[in-house]
Amino acid sequence: MSPWPFLPHGAHPDVLPLLIARALRAFADGYVAVLLPVYLIALGLGTWEVGVLATATLLGSALSTLAIGAWGHRVHHGRLLLGAALLMCTTGFAFAASSTFWPLLVVAFVGTLNPSAGDVSLFLPLEHSRIAEAADGDARTVLFARYSLMGSLLSAFGALAAALPDFLTRWTGIAPLDALRSMFVLYGCIGLGVWGLFRRLPAPHEEAPRPPAPLGASRKIVIRLAVLFSVDSFAGGLVVNALLALWLFKRFDMSVVSAGQFFFWSGLCSATSQLAAPRLAKRIGLLNTMVFTHIPASLCLIAAAVVPNLHAALALLIVRSLLSQMDVPARSAFVMAVVTPEERAAAASFTLVPKSLASAAAPIIGGTLFAAGMLATPLVACGALKIMYDLALWRSFRKH
């Protein structure tokens, strides 16, 4: 029996700081995704610039994740996680101190800001590898589900915290732009807290052997998964949360406070659904859980793009949230299960890199389409591409 109720039976308790750090990062990502377009527009930037900066954040994450996959096997994961936490801290303070496009672009590219609903940062492959080492079999799937649950749940509360700048403006008289800046200062402070949690992880074992190459026996399957995951990620990049918030602002004239409340409930639904993912995966398998929950979610997104009123659109997006993230723990457990233990960090990185690169190209396309007045097109394209990905994934691995 695990000494910590949140950890599944058979999971090592040393992984607990990792779960708490994931929760803190998700809280910060939750409000950043909502406030990022608001902050950039308040600085005088346009819709196209918002898309460019969102693309820069994803592209920078992709390249840093690629570096983890290519060279990370030479350095203990604990040291890399500490460095990533310090980068998060620096990102928040630097973004709060910047006011013009080019400095913001540099910080967005180099830093850890995440404008999307999911985690696309360099933290992910490192954390996945540590989690995979902490449990086996069904316990691993449950642990990944709870890791994802922490992310979705705290991301929802982070979206709700997007109302804090408005609260600060009304109750303290601080300028709206300064109130927005304070949220990026908070992001930096959270990064410092994450660094403190990572210091509690077990110290590296210097005598542990390092593999000569990041990938060996699992290379072919990792390449196939990477190609398929990139299609899914490109589709998701068309409507990252920052752009979905922008769509709600433009299509229905939604307020920032209301958008924050919507993303709170949306994230809460995603978190709740992930509790069911391990049980469903145990019954129908990891692959079927990934595919047959994802397709209905994509159909809801397509429908939300064309319905005429806000309430119907929000209802469809909520149903999408109940289904769209159930594949996350199943996918993570699937990747960790089909590769050898020493290749797990590299496999996580190399399946994430094409995803991050593909998603990095998408926000600028979505922002351009929004700027051109084609508000429904990114949502419809996202849903259609995700359905194609699901069908291709099921066909490729149904006999695995």
Protein backbone atom coordinates (compact mmCIF):
# COMPACT_ATOMS: atom_id res chain seq x y z
CA MET A 1 0.00 0.00 0.00
CA SER A 2 1.39 3.42 -0.97
CA PRO A 3 2.03 5.74 2.02
CA TRP A 4 0.47 8.54 0.01
CA PRO A 5 -3.25 8.12 -0.87
CA PHE A 6 -2.83 9.94 -4.18
CA LEU A 7 -0.21 7.48 -5.41
CA PRO A 8 -1.41 4.14 -6.82
CA HIS A 9 -0.41 0.89 -5.18
CA GLY A 10 3.08 -0.08 -6.34
CA ALA A 11 4.25 3.47 -7.16
CA HIS A 12 7.42 4.76 -5.53
CA PRO A 13 6.77 7.75 -3.19
CA ASP A 14 9.86 9.58 -4.52
CA VAL A 15 7.72 10.61 -7.52
CA LEU A 16 5.41 12.79 -5.38
CA PRO A 17 7.45 16.06 -5.78
CA LEU A 18 7.21 15.53 -9.53
CA LEU A 19 3.41 15.42 -9.36
CA ILE A 20 3.25 18.56 -7.22
CA ALA A 21 5.61 20.36 -9.59
CA ARG A 22 3.40 19.32 -12.52
CA ALA A 23 0.42 20.84 -10.72
CA LEU A 24 2.20 24.15 -10.14
CA ARG A 25 3.37 24.35 -13.76
CA ALA A 26 -0.14 23.56 -14.99
CA PHE A 27 -1.62 26.33 -12.84
CA ALA A 28 0.78 28.83 -14.39
CA ASP A 29 0.14 27.52 -17.92
CA GLY A 30 -3.62 27.74 -17.33
CA TYR A 31 -3.73 31.48 -16.77
CA VAL A 32 -0.94 32.25 -19.25
CA ALA A 33 -2.92 30.64 -22.08
CA VAL A 34 -5.86 32.97 -21.38
CA LEU A 35 -3.92 36.13 -20.54
CA LEU A 36 -1.19 35.91 -23.17
CA PRO A 37 -3.29 37.36 -26.05
CA VAL A 38 -4.82 39.95 -23.68
CA TYR A 39 -1.37 41.05 -22.48
CA LEU A 40 0.07 41.24 -25.99
CA ILE A 41 -2.89 43.23 -27.32
CA ALA A 42 -2.63 45.57 -24.29
CA LEU A 43 1.00 46.17 -25.32
CA GLY A 44 -0.24 47.33 -28.73
CA LEU A 45 0.45 44.17 -30.74
CA GLY A 46 -1.96 42.82 -33.35
CA THR A 47 -3.64 39.47 -33.96
CA TRP A 48 -0.90 38.35 -36.34
CA GLU A 49 1.82 39.13 -33.79
CA VAL A 50 -0.07 37.07 -31.18
CA GLY A 51 0.02 34.09 -33.56
CA VAL A 52 3.74 34.61 -34.25
CA LEU A 53 4.59 34.71 -30.54
CA ALA A 54 2.49 31.60 -29.86
CA THR A 55 4.37 29.87 -32.67
CA ALA A 56 7.71 30.99 -31.21
CA THR A 57 6.88 29.49 -27.81
CA LEU A 58 6.02 26.13 -29.37
CA LEU A 59 9.01 26.16 -31.75
CA GLY A 60 11.42 26.92 -28.92
CA SER A 61 9.89 24.11 -26.84
CA ALA A 62 10.31 21.73 -29.79
CA LEU A 63 14.01 22.51 -30.19
CA SER A 64 14.72 22.23 -26.47
CA THR A 65 12.86 18.91 -26.37
CA LEU A 66 14.94 17.74 -29.35
CA ALA A 67 18.09 18.60 -27.43
CA ILE A 68 16.83 16.53 -24.49
CA GLY A 69 16.26 13.57 -26.78
CA ALA A 70 19.60 13.83 -28.56
CA TRP A 71 21.92 14.59 -25.64
CA GLY A 72 19.86 14.21 -22.49
CA HIS A 73 20.89 10.58 -21.98
CA ARG A 74 24.39 11.85 -21.12
CA VAL A 75 23.18 13.90 -18.13
CA HIS A 76 21.09 12.77 -15.16
CA HIS A 77 17.43 13.78 -15.46
CA GLY A 78 17.52 15.47 -12.05
CA ARG A 79 20.05 18.06 -13.18
CA LEU A 80 18.12 18.74 -16.38
CA LEU A 81 14.89 19.24 -14.44
CA LEU A 82 16.59 21.76 -12.13
CA GLY A 83 17.88 23.68 -15.15
CA ALA A 84 14.42 23.67 -16.75
CA ALA A 85 12.88 25.06 -13.56
CA LEU A 86 15.39 27.92 -13.47
CA LEU A 87 14.58 28.64 -17.12
CA MET A 88 10.88 28.84 -16.21
CA CYS A 89 11.70 31.31 -13.45
CA THR A 90 13.75 33.49 -15.82
CA THR A 91 11.05 33.34 -18.50
CA GLY A 92 8.36 34.80 -16.25
CA PHE A 93 10.49 37.71 -15.01
CA ALA A 94 11.84 38.51 -18.49
CA PHE A 95 8.39 38.45 -20.11
CA ALA A 96 7.04 40.80 -17.45
CA ALA A 97 9.93 43.21 -18.08
CA SER A 98 9.50 43.31 -21.89
CA SER A 99 7.20 45.66 -23.78
CA THR A 100 8.10 45.44 -27.48
CA PHE A 101 7.74 42.69 -30.04
CA TRP A 102 11.34 41.57 -30.59
CA PRO A 103 12.36 41.09 -26.93
CA LEU A 104 9.08 39.28 -26.34
CA LEU A 105 9.79 37.06 -29.35
CA VAL A 106 13.22 36.11 -27.99
CA VAL A 107 11.85 35.29 -24.53
CA ALA A 108 8.97 33.32 -26.06
CA PHE A 109 11.37 31.27 -28.18
CA VAL A 110 13.98 30.58 -25.50
CA GLY A 111 11.64 30.28 -22.52
CA THR A 112 8.99 27.91 -21.23
CA LEU A 113 5.70 29.75 -21.87
CA ASN A 114 2.94 27.42 -23.01
CA PRO A 115 -0.05 28.86 -24.93
CA SER A 116 -1.75 25.47 -25.38
CA ALA A 117 -4.08 23.27 -23.38
CA GLY A 118 -1.49 20.50 -22.99
CA ASP A 119 2.08 20.45 -21.78
CA VAL A 120 4.51 20.85 -24.68
CA SER A 121 7.60 21.86 -22.73
CA LEU A 122 11.03 20.30 -22.20
CA PHE A 123 9.81 19.19 -18.75
CA LEU A 124 7.61 16.51 -20.27
CA PRO A 125 10.11 13.85 -21.52
CA LEU A 126 12.16 14.17 -18.35
CA GLU A 127 9.12 13.79 -16.11
CA HIS A 128 7.70 10.92 -18.19
CA SER A 129 10.92 8.99 -17.85
CA ARG A 130 10.98 9.42 -14.07
CA ILE A 131 7.30 8.41 -13.78
CA ALA A 132 7.83 5.30 -15.93
CA GLU A 133 10.59 4.23 -13.52
CA ALA A 134 8.30 4.69 -10.50
CA ALA A 135 5.68 2.03 -11.43
CA ASP A 136 4.99 -0.92 -13.73
CA GLY A 137 2.00 -2.38 -15.61
CA ASP A 138 -1.46 -1.08 -14.70
CA ALA A 139 0.05 0.99 -11.88
CA ARG A 140 2.04 2.93 -14.46
CA THR A 141 -1.10 3.78 -16.43
CA VAL A 142 -2.82 4.91 -13.23
CA LEU A 143 0.21 7.01 -12.28
CA PHE A 144 0.26 8.68 -15.70
CA ALA A 145 -3.47 9.32 -15.36
CA ARG A 146 -2.94 11.04 -12.02
CA TYR A 147 -0.02 12.99 -13.42
CA SER A 148 -2.31 14.17 -16.23
CA LEU A 149 -5.11 14.76 -13.73
CA MET A 150 -2.91 17.09 -11.70
CA GLY A 151 -2.10 18.97 -14.88
CA SER A 152 -5.69 19.31 -16.09
CA LEU A 153 -7.12 20.15 -12.69
CA LEU A 154 -4.63 22.85 -11.81
CA SER A 155 -4.72 24.19 -15.37
CA ALA A 156 -8.45 24.70 -14.84
CA PHE A 157 -7.86 26.66 -11.65
CA GLY A 158 -5.15 28.60 -13.47
CA ALA A 159 -7.68 29.60 -16.14
CA LEU A 160 -9.97 30.80 -13.37
CA ALA A 161 -7.06 32.85 -11.99
CA ALA A 162 -7.02 34.78 -15.28
CA ALA A 163 -9.60 37.03 -13.59
CA LEU A 164 -7.02 38.21 -11.02
CA PRO A 165 -5.72 41.19 -13.09
CA ASP A 166 -9.25 42.56 -13.40
CA PHE A 167 -9.71 42.08 -9.65
CA LEU A 168 -6.42 43.86 -8.92
CA THR A 169 -7.38 46.78 -11.16
CA ARG A 170 -10.77 47.25 -9.51
CA TRP A 171 -9.67 46.84 -5.89
CA THR A 172 -6.20 48.38 -5.81
CA GLY A 173 -6.33 50.93 -8.62
CA ILE A 174 -3.30 49.44 -10.33
CA ALA A 175 -3.12 50.02 -14.09
CA PRO A 176 -4.54 47.12 -16.16
CA LEU A 177 -1.22 46.58 -17.95
CA ASP A 178 0.68 46.43 -14.66
CA ALA A 179 -1.86 43.95 -13.31
CA LEU A 180 -1.22 41.74 -16.33
CA ARG A 181 2.53 42.04 -15.86
CA SER A 182 2.19 40.86 -12.26
CA MET A 183 0.83 37.52 -13.50
CA PHE A 184 4.06 36.89 -15.40
CA VAL A 185 6.03 37.80 -12.27
CA LEU A 186 3.93 35.16 -10.49
CA TYR A 187 4.87 32.73 -13.28
CA GLY A 188 8.53 33.31 -12.47
CA CYS A 189 7.92 32.77 -8.76
CA ILE A 190 6.14 29.49 -9.52
CA GLY A 191 9.20 28.42 -11.50
CA LEU A 192 11.28 29.05 -8.40
CA GLY A 193 8.90 26.85 -6.40
CA VAL A 194 9.21 24.09 -9.00
CA TRP A 195 13.00 24.31 -8.68
CA GLY A 196 12.66 23.77 -4.93
CA LEU A 197 10.50 20.68 -5.46
CA PHE A 198 12.93 19.18 -7.97
CA ARG A 199 15.70 19.54 -5.39
CA ARG A 200 13.78 17.00 -3.29
CA LEU A 201 14.10 14.30 -5.95
CA PRO A 202 16.68 11.52 -5.30
CA ALA A 203 20.27 12.49 -6.03
CA PRO A 204 21.81 11.12 -9.25
CA HIS A 205 23.72 7.86 -9.14
CA GLU A 206 26.98 8.66 -10.85
CA GLU A 207 27.84 4.99 -11.30
CA ALA A 208 24.71 4.31 -13.39
CA PRO A 209 25.74 3.47 -16.98
CA ARG A 210 24.73 5.78 -19.79
CA PRO A 211 23.45 4.25 -23.06
CA PRO A 212 25.76 4.82 -26.07
CA ALA A 213 22.90 6.15 -28.22
CA PRO A 214 19.50 7.63 -27.37
CA LEU A 215 17.54 5.07 -29.42
CA GLY A 216 18.32 1.53 -30.51
CA ALA A 217 15.86 -1.37 -30.66
CA SER A 218 12.81 0.88 -30.48
CA ARG A 219 13.84 3.26 -33.25
CA LYS A 220 11.28 2.14 -35.89
CA ILE A 221 8.26 2.20 -33.62
CA VAL A 222 9.27 5.58 -32.19
CA ILE A 223 9.55 7.04 -35.71
CA ARG A 224 6.08 5.77 -36.63
CA LEU A 225 4.56 7.18 -33.47
CA ALA A 226 6.37 10.49 -33.94
CA VAL A 227 4.96 10.94 -37.45
CA LEU A 228 1.40 10.19 -36.33
CA PHE A 229 1.63 12.32 -33.19
CA SER A 230 2.86 15.25 -35.28
CA VAL A 231 -0.38 15.25 -37.29
CA ASP A 232 -2.40 15.37 -34.08
CA SER A 233 -0.22 18.12 -32.66
CA PHE A 234 -0.37 20.27 -35.79
CA ALA A 235 -4.15 20.04 -35.66
CA GLY A 236 -4.22 20.99 -31.98
CA GLY A 237 -1.90 23.93 -32.66
CA LEU A 238 -4.56 25.53 -34.83
CA VAL A 239 -6.69 26.11 -31.73
CA VAL A 240 -4.30 26.30 -28.76
CA ASN A 241 -6.02 27.81 -25.74
CA ALA A 242 -4.59 31.27 -26.42
CA LEU A 243 -6.16 31.22 -29.92
CA LEU A 244 -9.37 29.59 -28.69
CA ALA A 245 -9.68 32.43 -26.20
CA LEU A 246 -9.08 34.89 -29.03
CA TRP A 247 -11.80 33.11 -31.07
CA LEU A 248 -14.27 33.50 -28.19
CA PHE A 249 -13.36 37.18 -27.86
CA LYS A 250 -13.85 37.86 -31.56
CA ARG A 251 -16.76 35.55 -32.41
CA PHE A 252 -18.96 36.17 -29.37
CA ASP A 253 -17.40 39.27 -27.77
CA MET A 254 -16.75 37.24 -24.61
CA SER A 255 -15.14 38.98 -21.64
CA VAL A 256 -11.81 37.93 -20.16
CA VAL A 257 -13.47 36.97 -16.86
CA SER A 258 -16.07 34.82 -18.64
CA ALA A 259 -13.38 33.20 -20.78
CA GLY A 260 -11.40 32.37 -17.65
CA GLN A 261 -14.48 30.78 -16.09
CA PHE A 262 -15.10 28.74 -19.24
CA PHE A 263 -11.52 27.46 -19.35
CA PHE A 264 -11.82 26.60 -15.65
CA TRP A 265 -14.85 24.38 -16.24
CA SER A 266 -13.34 23.02 -19.43
CA GLY A 267 -10.15 22.07 -17.62
CA LEU A 268 -12.14 20.60 -14.74
CA CYS A 269 -14.01 18.37 -17.19
CA SER A 270 -10.71 17.27 -18.76
CA ALA A 271 -9.31 16.47 -15.34
CA THR A 272 -12.36 14.48 -14.31
CA SER A 273 -12.37 12.46 -17.51
CA GLN A 274 -8.79 11.34 -16.93
CA LEU A 275 -9.86 9.51 -13.80
CA ALA A 276 -11.82 7.16 -16.07
CA ALA A 277 -8.97 6.63 -18.55
CA PRO A 278 -7.09 3.86 -16.63
CA ARG A 279 -10.28 1.84 -16.06
CA LEU A 280 -11.31 2.22 -19.68
CA ALA A 281 -7.81 1.30 -20.86
CA LYS A 282 -7.84 -1.81 -18.66
CA ARG A 283 -11.14 -2.86 -20.26
CA ILE A 284 -10.61 -2.02 -23.95
CA GLY A 285 -6.85 -1.42 -24.20
CA LEU A 286 -4.62 1.65 -24.40
CA LEU A 287 -4.95 2.12 -28.17
CA ASN A 288 -8.75 1.87 -28.26
CA THR A 289 -8.98 4.33 -25.38
CA MET A 290 -6.81 6.78 -27.33
CA VAL A 291 -8.81 6.51 -30.56
CA PHE A 292 -12.44 5.99 -29.60
CA THR A 293 -12.59 8.88 -27.14
CA HIS A 294 -10.77 11.27 -29.46
CA ILE A 295 -13.00 11.04 -32.54
CA PRO A 296 -16.24 12.22 -30.82
CA ALA A 297 -14.27 15.09 -29.26
CA SER A 298 -13.14 16.23 -32.71
CA LEU A 299 -16.71 16.10 -34.03
CA CYS A 300 -17.79 18.37 -31.15
CA LEU A 301 -15.08 20.89 -32.08
CA ILE A 302 -16.23 20.97 -35.71
CA ALA A 303 -19.83 21.50 -34.59
CA ALA A 304 -18.82 24.29 -32.18
CA ALA A 305 -17.25 26.19 -35.09
CA VAL A 306 -20.54 26.47 -36.96
CA VAL A 307 -23.27 26.77 -34.31
CA PRO A 308 -24.81 30.26 -34.24
CA ASN A 309 -24.86 31.09 -30.50
CA LEU A 310 -22.42 31.19 -27.62
CA HIS A 311 -24.23 28.75 -25.30
CA ALA A 312 -24.35 25.99 -27.89
CA ALA A 313 -20.67 26.51 -28.74
CA LEU A 314 -19.63 26.40 -25.10
CA ALA A 315 -21.69 23.25 -24.49
CA LEU A 316 -20.00 21.48 -27.40
CA LEU A 317 -16.57 22.61 -26.23
CA ILE A 318 -17.32 21.28 -22.74
CA VAL A 319 -18.31 17.89 -24.17
CA ARG A 320 -15.09 17.97 -26.16
CA SER A 321 -13.16 18.60 -22.93
CA LEU A 322 -14.81 15.57 -21.33
CA LEU A 323 -13.41 13.36 -24.09
CA SER A 324 -10.39 14.94 -25.73
CA GLN A 325 -7.85 14.41 -22.93
CA MET A 326 -8.67 10.81 -22.04
CA ASP A 327 -6.03 9.73 -24.54
CA VAL A 328 -3.23 11.60 -22.74
CA PRO A 329 -2.40 9.11 -19.94
CA ALA A 330 -3.10 6.18 -22.28
CA ARG A 331 -0.73 7.59 -24.89
CA SER A 332 2.02 8.25 -22.36
CA ALA A 333 1.72 4.75 -20.91
CA PHE A 334 1.60 3.25 -24.42
CA VAL A 335 4.86 4.93 -25.48
CA MET A 336 6.62 3.93 -22.25
CA ALA A 337 5.38 0.33 -22.61
CA VAL A 338 6.56 -0.28 -26.19
CA VAL A 339 10.18 0.86 -25.71
CA THR A 340 12.99 -0.50 -23.56
CA PRO A 341 13.51 1.14 -20.13
CA GLU A 342 16.82 2.79 -21.07
CA GLU A 343 15.20 4.37 -24.15
CA ARG A 344 12.21 5.91 -22.39
CA ALA A 345 13.49 9.48 -22.04
CA ALA A 346 14.67 9.53 -25.65
CA ALA A 347 11.41 7.96 -26.86
CA ALA A 348 9.39 10.57 -25.00
CA SER A 349 11.53 13.33 -26.47
CA PHE A 350 11.53 12.05 -30.06
CA THR A 351 7.77 11.51 -30.06
CA LEU A 352 7.31 14.98 -28.60
CA VAL A 353 9.68 16.86 -30.92
CA PRO A 354 7.74 16.36 -34.17
CA LYS A 355 4.60 17.13 -32.18
CA SER A 356 6.09 20.37 -30.92
CA LEU A 357 7.46 21.34 -34.34
CA ALA A 358 4.12 20.60 -35.99
CA SER A 359 2.18 22.49 -33.35
CA ALA A 360 4.65 25.39 -33.60
CA ALA A 361 3.73 25.98 -37.24
CA ALA A 362 0.01 25.94 -36.57
CA PRO A 363 -0.74 28.98 -34.34
CA ILE A 364 0.59 31.46 -36.88
CA ILE A 365 -1.72 29.84 -39.47
CA GLY A 366 -4.63 29.98 -37.06
CA GLY A 367 -3.87 33.60 -36.16
CA THR A 368 -3.65 34.53 -39.85
CA LEU A 369 -7.02 32.89 -40.57
CA PHE A 370 -8.58 34.71 -37.62
CA ALA A 371 -7.11 38.01 -38.83
CA ALA A 372 -8.61 37.34 -42.27
CA GLY A 373 -12.04 36.88 -40.74
CA MET A 374 -12.14 33.08 -41.32
CA LEU A 375 -13.09 32.33 -37.73
CA ALA A 376 -14.55 28.84 -38.23
CA THR A 377 -11.79 27.47 -40.47
CA PRO A 378 -9.11 26.69 -37.82
CA LEU A 379 -11.61 24.80 -35.65
CA VAL A 380 -12.99 22.75 -38.54
CA ALA A 381 -9.50 21.97 -39.85
CA CYS A 382 -8.36 20.94 -36.38
CA GLY A 383 -11.25 18.51 -35.94
CA ALA A 384 -10.87 16.98 -39.40
CA LEU A 385 -7.12 16.45 -39.07
CA LYS A 386 -7.49 14.88 -35.64
CA ILE A 387 -10.01 12.36 -36.97
CA MET A 388 -7.59 11.44 -39.76
CA TYR A 389 -4.84 10.96 -37.15
CA ASP A 390 -7.03 8.71 -34.98
CA LEU A 391 -7.95 6.45 -37.88
CA ALA A 392 -4.33 6.19 -39.05
CA LEU A 393 -3.09 5.43 -35.52
CA TRP A 394 -5.67 2.68 -35.02
CA ARG A 395 -4.86 1.11 -38.37
CA SER A 396 -1.10 1.16 -37.72
CA PHE A 397 -1.12 -0.30 -34.22
CA ARG A 398 -4.38 -2.26 -33.87
CA LYS A 399 -2.45 -5.58 -33.99
CA HIS A 400 0.38 -4.45 -31.72
